[in-house]
Amino acid sequence: MNYVIENLMPMLTDEVRAKQQLDATTLWFIALASSLFTVPGNYVVLYKNQCLELYKVLISMKCASAYMMGSSAISNAVSNM
């Protein structure tokens, strides 16, 4: 979780969030962040502040792929609760 936040958050400037298409590195980190939410719900609760931070960022993306990965992450986390 810390690795993803430390590397992804600096990439996600307002300009990047507004883009319709993202570069491969940014999409890779977004995919990695989304995959973190396939864990059992107790881990999501344990790291709730970091999870909420990631959710807010992913849902604010204009890129359809990034937004869909964020939506899937939320769906996975809720179903694992």
Protein backbone atom coordinates (compact mmCIF):
# COMPACT_ATOMS: atom_id res chain seq x y z
CA MET A 1 0.00 0.00 0.00
CA ASN A 2 2.72 2.47 0.96
CA TYR A 3 4.71 1.70 -2.20
CA VAL A 4 1.71 2.45 -4.40
CA ILE A 5 0.81 5.66 -2.60
CA GLU A 6 4.41 6.91 -2.57
CA ASN A 7 4.80 6.31 -6.31
CA LEU A 8 1.32 6.97 -7.69
CA MET A 9 0.27 10.13 -5.86
CA PRO A 10 3.11 12.36 -7.16
CA MET A 11 2.19 11.32 -10.72
CA LEU A 12 -1.45 12.33 -10.35
CA THR A 13 -1.31 16.07 -10.80
CA ASP A 14 -4.46 18.00 -11.73
CA GLU A 15 -3.27 17.96 -15.34
CA VAL A 16 -2.88 14.16 -15.35
CA ARG A 17 -6.28 13.66 -13.68
CA ALA A 18 -7.90 15.68 -16.48
CA LYS A 19 -6.35 13.64 -19.32
CA GLN A 20 -8.51 11.26 -21.36
CA GLN A 21 -5.55 8.93 -21.96
CA LEU A 22 -2.68 8.18 -19.62
CA ASP A 23 0.84 6.89 -20.16
CA ALA A 24 1.66 3.24 -19.51
CA THR A 25 3.51 3.86 -16.23
CA THR A 26 0.63 5.76 -14.67
CA LEU A 27 -1.88 3.14 -15.81
CA TRP A 28 0.34 0.40 -14.40
CA PHE A 29 0.38 2.04 -10.96
CA ILE A 30 -3.39 2.58 -11.14
CA ALA A 31 -3.88 -1.10 -11.98
CA LEU A 32 -1.59 -2.04 -9.09
CA ALA A 33 -3.56 0.22 -6.74
CA SER A 34 -6.84 -1.30 -7.90
CA SER A 35 -5.57 -4.82 -7.33
CA LEU A 36 -4.90 -4.00 -3.68
CA PHE A 37 -8.63 -4.07 -3.00
CA THR A 38 -9.10 -7.76 -3.76
CA VAL A 39 -7.90 -8.55 -0.23
CA PRO A 40 -10.18 -9.56 2.65
CA GLY A 41 -12.18 -6.69 4.11
CA ASN A 42 -10.28 -6.61 7.39
CA TYR A 43 -7.23 -5.29 5.52
CA VAL A 44 -9.29 -2.57 3.87
CA VAL A 45 -10.53 -1.53 7.31
CA LEU A 46 -7.00 -1.63 8.71
CA TYR A 47 -5.77 0.72 5.97
CA LYS A 48 -9.01 2.68 5.58
CA ASN A 49 -7.40 6.14 5.39
CA GLN A 50 -5.03 5.11 2.60
CA CYS A 51 -7.85 3.25 0.83
CA LEU A 52 -10.13 6.28 0.94
CA GLU A 53 -7.32 8.47 -0.38
CA LEU A 54 -6.79 6.10 -3.31
CA TYR A 55 -10.53 5.80 -4.00
CA LYS A 56 -10.98 9.56 -4.16
CA VAL A 57 -8.10 9.93 -6.59
CA LEU A 58 -9.13 7.04 -8.84
CA ILE A 59 -12.75 8.17 -9.06
CA SER A 60 -11.67 11.73 -9.92
CA MET A 61 -9.82 10.55 -13.05
CA LYS A 62 -11.15 11.58 -16.48
CA CYS A 63 -9.43 8.62 -18.16
CA ALA A 64 -12.09 5.95 -18.64
CA SER A 65 -9.70 3.07 -17.94
CA ALA A 66 -8.50 4.60 -14.67
CA TYR A 67 -12.04 5.42 -13.59
CA MET A 68 -13.22 1.88 -14.34
CA MET A 69 -10.32 0.39 -12.37
CA GLY A 70 -11.23 2.63 -9.44
CA SER A 71 -14.88 1.63 -9.65
CA SER A 72 -13.94 -2.04 -9.74
CA ALA A 73 -11.68 -1.54 -6.72
CA ILE A 74 -14.57 -0.08 -4.72
CA SER A 75 -16.84 -2.91 -5.82
CA ASN A 76 -14.24 -5.50 -4.78
CA ALA A 77 -13.69 -3.88 -1.39
CA VAL A 78 -17.41 -3.70 -0.64
CA SER A 79 -18.04 -7.30 -1.67
CA ASN A 80 -15.13 -8.48 0.51
CA MET A 81 -16.51 -6.81 3.63
